[in-house]
PDB file of N, CA and C in Angstrom:
ATOM      1  N   MET A   1       0.843  -1.190   0.000  1.00  0.00           N
ATOM      2  CA  MET A   1       0.000   0.000   0.000  1.00  0.00           C
ATOM      3  C   MET A   1       0.882   1.246   0.000  1.00  0.00           C
ATOM      4  N   PRO A   2       0.443   2.270  -0.694  1.00  0.00           N
ATOM      5  CA  PRO A   2       1.175   3.541  -0.613  1.00  0.00           C
ATOM      6  C   PRO A   2       1.226   4.022   0.837  1.00  0.00           C
ATOM      7  N   ARG A   3       2.222   4.780   1.144  1.00  0.00           N
ATOM      8  CA  ARG A   3       2.445   5.172   2.537  1.00  0.00           C
ATOM      9  C   ARG A   3       1.328   6.008   3.131  1.00  0.00           C
ATOM     10  N   HIS A   4       0.506   6.662   2.329  1.00  0.00           N
ATOM     11  CA  HIS A   4      -0.548   7.527   2.850  1.00  0.00           C
ATOM     12  C   HIS A   4      -1.866   6.796   3.093  1.00  0.00           C
ATOM     13  N   LEU A   5      -1.976   5.586   2.594  1.00  0.00           N
ATOM     14  CA  LEU A   5      -3.221   4.842   2.724  1.00  0.00           C
ATOM     15  C   LEU A   5      -3.038   3.692   3.702  1.00  0.00           C
ATOM     16  N   ASP A   6      -4.028   3.474   4.525  1.00  0.00           N
ATOM     17  CA  ASP A   6      -3.940   2.377   5.481  1.00  0.00           C
ATOM     18  C   ASP A   6      -4.942   1.294   5.128  1.00  0.00           C
ATOM     19  N   ASP A   7      -5.333   0.487   6.080  1.00  0.00           N
ATOM     20  CA  ASP A   7      -6.224  -0.634   5.808  1.00  0.00           C
ATOM     21  C   ASP A   7      -7.626  -0.219   5.386  1.00  0.00           C
ATOM     22  N   VAL A   8      -7.965   1.070   5.500  1.00  0.00           N
ATOM     23  CA  VAL A   8      -9.263   1.546   5.016  1.00  0.00           C
ATOM     24  C   VAL A   8      -9.380   1.297   3.510  1.00  0.00           C
ATOM     25  N   ALA A   9      -8.267   1.420   2.798  1.00  0.00           N
ATOM     26  CA  ALA A   9      -8.273   1.253   1.347  1.00  0.00           C
ATOM     27  C   ALA A   9      -7.940  -0.166   0.895  1.00  0.00           C
ATOM     28  N   HIS A  10      -7.534  -1.014   1.804  1.00  0.00           N
ATOM     29  CA  HIS A  10      -7.122  -2.375   1.449  1.00  0.00           C
ATOM     30  C   HIS A  10      -8.238  -3.124   0.720  1.00  0.00           C
ATOM     31  N   LYS A  11      -7.929  -3.604  -0.468  1.00  0.00           N
ATOM     32  CA  LYS A  11      -8.856  -4.346  -1.325  1.00  0.00           C
ATOM     33  C   LYS A  11     -10.081  -3.523  -1.738  1.00  0.00           C
ATOM     34  N   ARG A  12      -9.987  -2.207  -1.643  1.00  0.00           N
ATOM     35  CA  ARG A  12     -11.085  -1.330  -2.045  1.00  0.00           C
ATOM     36  C   ARG A  12     -10.602  -0.245  -3.001  1.00  0.00           C
ATOM     37  N   LEU A  13      -9.376  -0.310  -3.420  1.00  0.00           N
ATOM     38  CA  LEU A  13      -8.742   0.745  -4.193  1.00  0.00           C
ATOM     39  C   LEU A  13      -8.564   0.313  -5.641  1.00  0.00           C
ATOM     40  N   ILE A  14      -8.974   1.175  -6.562  1.00  0.00           N
ATOM     41  CA  ILE A  14      -8.773   0.955  -7.993  1.00  0.00           C
ATOM     42  C   ILE A  14      -8.038   2.176  -8.534  1.00  0.00           C
ATOM     43  N   LEU A  15      -6.913   1.963  -9.201  1.00  0.00           N
ATOM     44  CA  LEU A  15      -6.169   3.042  -9.829  1.00  0.00           C
ATOM     45  C   LEU A  15      -6.352   2.930 -11.333  1.00  0.00           C
ATOM     46  N   THR A  16      -6.794   4.018 -11.973  1.00  0.00           N
ATOM     47  CA  THR A  16      -7.042   3.997 -13.411  1.00  0.00           C
ATOM     48  C   THR A  16      -6.998   5.395 -13.987  1.00  0.00           C
ATOM     49  N   HIS A  17      -6.737   5.470 -15.291  1.00  0.00           N
ATOM     50  CA  HIS A  17      -6.813   6.746 -16.005  1.00  0.00           C
ATOM     51  C   HIS A  17      -8.225   6.979 -16.528  1.00  0.00           C
ATOM     52  N   HIS A  18      -9.021   5.935 -16.637  1.00  0.00           N
ATOM     53  CA  HIS A  18     -10.379   6.022 -17.180  1.00  0.00           C
ATOM     54  C   HIS A  18     -11.371   5.977 -16.023  1.00  0.00           C
ATOM     55  N   LYS A  19     -11.532   7.087 -15.376  1.00  0.00           N
ATOM     56  CA  LYS A  19     -12.238   7.144 -14.107  1.00  0.00           C
ATOM     57  C   LYS A  19     -13.733   6.905 -14.205  1.00  0.00           C
ATOM     58  N   ASP A  20     -14.307   7.125 -15.360  1.00  0.00           N
ATOM     59  CA  ASP A  20     -15.747   6.928 -15.519  1.00  0.00           C
ATOM     60  C   ASP A  20     -16.111   5.483 -15.853  1.00  0.00           C
ATOM     61  N   LEU A  21     -15.143   4.633 -16.136  1.00  0.00           N
ATOM     62  CA  LEU A  21     -15.435   3.261 -16.542  1.00  0.00           C
ATOM     63  C   LEU A  21     -15.595   2.301 -15.365  1.00  0.00           C
ATOM     64  N   ASP A  22     -15.023   2.622 -14.223  1.00  0.00           N
ATOM     65  CA  ASP A  22     -15.119   1.748 -13.052  1.00  0.00           C
ATOM     66  C   ASP A  22     -16.223   2.214 -12.122  1.00  0.00           C
ATOM     67  N   PRO A  23     -17.082   1.300 -11.738  1.00  0.00           N
ATOM     68  CA  PRO A  23     -18.108   1.686 -10.762  1.00  0.00           C
ATOM     69  C   PRO A  23     -17.463   1.834  -9.388  1.00  0.00           C
ATOM     70  N   GLY A  24     -18.022   2.667  -8.583  1.00  0.00           N
ATOM     71  CA  GLY A  24     -17.503   2.839  -7.238  1.00  0.00           C
ATOM     72  C   GLY A  24     -18.319   3.845  -6.478  1.00  0.00           C
ATOM     73  N   ASP A  25     -18.053   3.926  -5.213  1.00  0.00           N
ATOM     74  CA  ASP A  25     -18.774   4.861  -4.360  1.00  0.00           C
ATOM     75  C   ASP A  25     -18.092   6.215  -4.282  1.00  0.00           C
ATOM     76  N   ILE A  26     -16.756   6.219  -4.251  1.00  0.00           N
ATOM     77  CA  ILE A  26     -16.003   7.454  -4.056  1.00  0.00           C
ATOM     78  C   ILE A  26     -14.816   7.490  -5.007  1.00  0.00           C
ATOM     79  N   LEU A  27     -14.605   8.648  -5.625  1.00  0.00           N
ATOM     80  CA  LEU A  27     -13.442   8.896  -6.465  1.00  0.00           C
ATOM     81  C   LEU A  27     -12.638  10.012  -5.811  1.00  0.00           C
ATOM     82  N   ILE A  28     -11.372   9.736  -5.492  1.00  0.00           N
ATOM     83  CA  ILE A  28     -10.473  10.755  -4.968  1.00  0.00           C
ATOM     84  C   ILE A  28      -9.608  11.205  -6.135  1.00  0.00           C
ATOM     85  N   ASP A  29      -9.689  12.481  -6.470  1.00  0.00           N
ATOM     86  CA  ASP A  29      -8.987  12.963  -7.657  1.00  0.00           C
ATOM     87  C   ASP A  29      -8.567  14.414  -7.475  1.00  0.00           C
ATOM     88  N   ASP A  30      -7.390  14.739  -7.999  1.00  0.00           N
ATOM     89  CA  ASP A  30      -6.918  16.119  -7.920  1.00  0.00           C
ATOM     90  C   ASP A  30      -7.290  16.930  -9.164  1.00  0.00           C
ATOM     91  N   ARG A  31      -7.803  16.256 -10.190  1.00  0.00           N
ATOM     92  CA  ARG A  31      -8.235  16.947 -11.410  1.00  0.00           C
ATOM     93  C   ARG A  31      -9.626  16.442 -11.790  1.00  0.00           C
ATOM     94  N   PRO A  32     -10.652  16.961 -11.121  1.00  0.00           N
ATOM     95  CA  PRO A  32     -11.996  16.427 -11.313  1.00  0.00           C
ATOM     96  C   PRO A  32     -12.617  16.703 -12.683  1.00  0.00           C
ATOM     97  N   ASP A  33     -11.941  17.473 -13.508  1.00  0.00           N
ATOM     98  CA  ASP A  33     -12.464  17.765 -14.840  1.00  0.00           C
ATOM     99  C   ASP A  33     -11.711  17.017 -15.937  1.00  0.00           C
ATOM    100  N   LYS A  34     -10.902  16.046 -15.564  1.00  0.00           N
ATOM    101  CA  LYS A  34     -10.081  15.318 -16.537  1.00  0.00           C
ATOM    102  C   LYS A  34     -10.403  13.832 -16.558  1.00  0.00           C
ATOM    103  N   ARG A  35     -10.229  13.214 -17.714  1.00  0.00           N
ATOM    104  CA  ARG A  35     -10.268  11.762 -17.911  1.00  0.00           C
ATOM    105  C   ARG A  35     -11.486  11.061 -17.331  1.00  0.00           C
ATOM    106  N   GLY A  36     -12.644  11.691 -17.473  1.00  0.00           N
ATOM    107  CA  GLY A  36     -13.876  11.035 -17.078  1.00  0.00           C
ATOM    108  C   GLY A  36     -14.290  11.232 -15.638  1.00  0.00           C
ATOM    109  N   ALA A  37     -13.512  11.953 -14.857  1.00  0.00           N
ATOM    110  CA  ALA A  37     -13.881  12.167 -13.450  1.00  0.00           C
ATOM    111  C   ALA A  37     -15.222  12.880 -13.342  1.00  0.00           C
ATOM    112  N   ASP A  38     -15.503  13.768 -14.278  1.00  0.00           N
ATOM    113  CA  ASP A  38     -16.773  14.497 -14.248  1.00  0.00           C
ATOM    114  C   ASP A  38     -17.968  13.598 -14.580  1.00  0.00           C
ATOM    115  N   LYS A  39     -17.703  12.415 -15.120  1.00  0.00           N
ATOM    116  CA  LYS A  39     -18.772  11.466 -15.457  1.00  0.00           C
ATOM    117  C   LYS A  39     -18.874  10.320 -14.456  1.00  0.00           C
ATOM    118  N   PHE A  40     -18.009  10.315 -13.447  1.00  0.00           N
ATOM    119  CA  PHE A  40     -18.032   9.285 -12.425  1.00  0.00           C
ATOM    120  C   PHE A  40     -19.377   9.341 -11.699  1.00  0.00           C
ATOM    121  N   GLU A  41     -19.994   8.197 -11.499  1.00  0.00           N
ATOM    122  CA  GLU A  41     -21.351   8.158 -10.942  1.00  0.00           C
ATOM    123  C   GLU A  41     -21.405   8.242  -9.420  1.00  0.00           C
ATOM    124  N   GLY A  42     -20.291   8.009  -8.739  1.00  0.00           N
ATOM    125  CA  GLY A  42     -20.273   8.079  -7.284  1.00  0.00           C
ATOM    126  C   GLY A  42     -19.915   9.471  -6.784  1.00  0.00           C
ATOM    127  N   GLU A  43     -19.460   9.530  -5.566  1.00  0.00           N
ATOM    128  CA  GLU A  43     -19.087  10.787  -4.916  1.00  0.00           C
ATOM    129  C   GLU A  43     -17.650  11.168  -5.280  1.00  0.00           C
ATOM    130  N   LEU A  44     -17.431  12.438  -5.568  1.00  0.00           N
ATOM    131  CA  LEU A  44     -16.101  12.938  -5.886  1.00  0.00           C
ATOM    132  C   LEU A  44     -15.493  13.619  -4.668  1.00  0.00           C
ATOM    133  N   VAL A  45     -14.306  13.191  -4.283  1.00  0.00           N
ATOM    134  CA  VAL A  45     -13.514  13.859  -3.253  1.00  0.00           C
ATOM    135  C   VAL A  45     -12.392  14.570  -4.003  1.00  0.00           C
ATOM    136  N   HIS A  46     -12.453  15.891  -4.027  1.00  0.00           N
ATOM    137  CA  HIS A  46     -11.489  16.687  -4.791  1.00  0.00           C
ATOM    138  C   HIS A  46     -10.231  16.921  -3.958  1.00  0.00           C
ATOM    139  N   PHE A  47      -9.234  16.074  -4.197  1.00  0.00           N
ATOM    140  CA  PHE A  47      -7.951  16.177  -3.509  1.00  0.00           C
ATOM    141  C   PHE A  47      -7.285  17.483  -3.915  1.00  0.00           C
ATOM    142  N   GLY A  48      -6.787  18.228  -2.929  1.00  0.00           N
ATOM    143  CA  GLY A  48      -6.148  19.513  -3.201  1.00  0.00           C
ATOM    144  C   GLY A  48      -7.109  20.688  -3.085  1.00  0.00           C
ATOM    145  N   SER A  49      -8.376  20.394  -2.798  1.00  0.00           N
ATOM    146  CA  SER A  49      -9.365  21.459  -2.618  1.00  0.00           C
ATOM    147  C   SER A  49      -9.263  22.031  -1.211  1.00  0.00           C
ATOM    148  N   GLU A  50     -10.042  23.046  -0.930  1.00  0.00           N
ATOM    149  CA  GLU A  50     -10.038  23.647   0.404  1.00  0.00           C
ATOM    150  C   GLU A  50     -10.455  22.634   1.468  1.00  0.00           C
ATOM    151  N   ARG A  51     -11.446  21.806   1.152  1.00  0.00           N
ATOM    152  CA  ARG A  51     -11.926  20.807   2.111  1.00  0.00           C
ATOM    153  C   ARG A  51     -10.945  19.643   2.267  1.00  0.00           C
ATOM    154  N   PHE A  52     -10.292  19.249   1.187  1.00  0.00           N
ATOM    155  CA  PHE A  52      -9.372  18.109   1.196  1.00  0.00           C
ATOM    156  C   PHE A  52      -8.008  18.537   0.625  1.00  0.00           C
ATOM    157  N   PRO A  53      -7.274  19.380   1.359  1.00  0.00           N
ATOM    158  CA  PRO A  53      -6.011  19.905   0.819  1.00  0.00           C
ATOM    159  C   PRO A  53      -4.878  18.885   0.746  1.00  0.00           C
ATOM    160  N   ASP A  54      -4.944  17.838   1.597  1.00  0.00           N
ATOM    161  CA  ASP A  54      -3.902  16.819   1.628  1.00  0.00           C
ATOM    162  C   ASP A  54      -4.500  15.529   2.189  1.00  0.00           C
ATOM    163  N   TRP A  55      -3.653  14.511   2.414  1.00  0.00           N
ATOM    164  CA  TRP A  55      -4.152  13.187   2.786  1.00  0.00           C
ATOM    165  C   TRP A  55      -4.819  13.072   4.153  1.00  0.00           C
ATOM    166  N   PRO A  56      -4.361  13.752   5.198  1.00  0.00           N
ATOM    167  CA  PRO A  56      -5.026  13.568   6.499  1.00  0.00           C
ATOM    168  C   PRO A  56      -6.536  13.838   6.494  1.00  0.00           C
ATOM    169  N   PRO A  57      -7.038  14.941   5.896  1.00  0.00           N
ATOM    170  CA  PRO A  57      -8.492  15.121   5.883  1.00  0.00           C
ATOM    171  C   PRO A  57      -9.217  14.102   4.992  1.00  0.00           C
ATOM    172  N   VAL A  58      -8.566  13.662   3.930  1.00  0.00           N
ATOM    173  CA  VAL A  58      -9.168  12.635   3.071  1.00  0.00           C
ATOM    174  C   VAL A  58      -9.328  11.342   3.866  1.00  0.00           C
ATOM    175  N   MET A  59      -8.271  10.936   4.558  1.00  0.00           N
ATOM    176  CA  MET A  59      -8.332   9.696   5.319  1.00  0.00           C
ATOM    177  C   MET A  59      -9.321   9.789   6.478  1.00  0.00           C
ATOM    178  N   GLU A  60      -9.421  10.942   7.120  1.00  0.00           N
ATOM    179  CA  GLU A  60     -10.411  11.134   8.186  1.00  0.00           C
ATOM    180  C   GLU A  60     -11.820  10.965   7.623  1.00  0.00           C
ATOM    181  N   TYR A  61     -12.056  11.547   6.458  1.00  0.00           N
ATOM    182  CA  TYR A  61     -13.360  11.432   5.809  1.00  0.00           C
ATOM    183  C   TYR A  61     -13.652   9.983   5.422  1.00  0.00           C
ATOM    184  N   MET A  62     -12.653   9.297   4.883  1.00  0.00           N
ATOM    185  CA  MET A  62     -12.841   7.906   4.468  1.00  0.00           C
ATOM    186  C   MET A  62     -13.125   7.004   5.674  1.00  0.00           C
ATOM    187  N   ARG A  63     -12.425   7.240   6.775  1.00  0.00           N
ATOM    188  CA  ARG A  63     -12.697   6.456   8.002  1.00  0.00           C
ATOM    189  C   ARG A  63     -14.118   6.680   8.492  1.00  0.00           C
ATOM    190  N   LYS A  64     -14.569   7.921   8.448  1.00  0.00           N
ATOM    191  CA  LYS A  64     -15.933   8.243   8.863  1.00  0.00           C
ATOM    192  C   LYS A  64     -16.942   7.548   7.960  1.00  0.00           C
ATOM    193  N   LYS A  65     -16.721   7.587   6.664  1.00  0.00           N
ATOM    194  CA  LYS A  65     -17.621   6.914   5.719  1.00  0.00           C
ATOM    195  C   LYS A  65     -17.638   5.413   5.954  1.00  0.00           C
ATOM    196  N   ALA A  66     -16.476   4.816   6.210  1.00  0.00           N
ATOM    197  CA  ALA A  66     -16.391   3.367   6.455  1.00  0.00           C
ATOM    198  C   ALA A  66     -17.118   2.993   7.737  1.00  0.00           C
ATOM    199  N   ALA A  67     -17.031   3.832   8.750  1.00  0.00           N
ATOM    200  CA  ALA A  67     -17.696   3.560  10.018  1.00  0.00           C
ATOM    201  C   ALA A  67     -19.227   3.651   9.888  1.00  0.00           C
ATOM    202  N   GLU A  68     -19.684   4.510   8.988  1.00  0.00           N
ATOM    203  CA  GLU A  68     -21.128   4.666   8.751  1.00  0.00           C
ATOM    204  C   GLU A  68     -21.710   3.442   8.047  1.00  0.00           C
ATOM    205  N   GLY A  69     -20.841   2.716   7.370  1.00  0.00           N
ATOM    206  CA  GLY A  69     -21.295   1.507   6.706  1.00  0.00           C
ATOM    207  C   GLY A  69     -21.520   1.724   5.292  1.00  0.00           C
TER     208      GLY A  69
END
């Protein structure tokens, strides 16, 4: 696993350039207007935005979502 991701992402992570082709609940992306991210059917987490400027707030959000079920 990359150093910024823990067991929250284990067996739940898909890396691709064609972001609209894979089904999923959440897309974490730093360029939400590129390569199909705007057509992704799930929730977009805009990495690098004011709400998610770096990995700690993203991981906090992901843990909260995982705990909700």
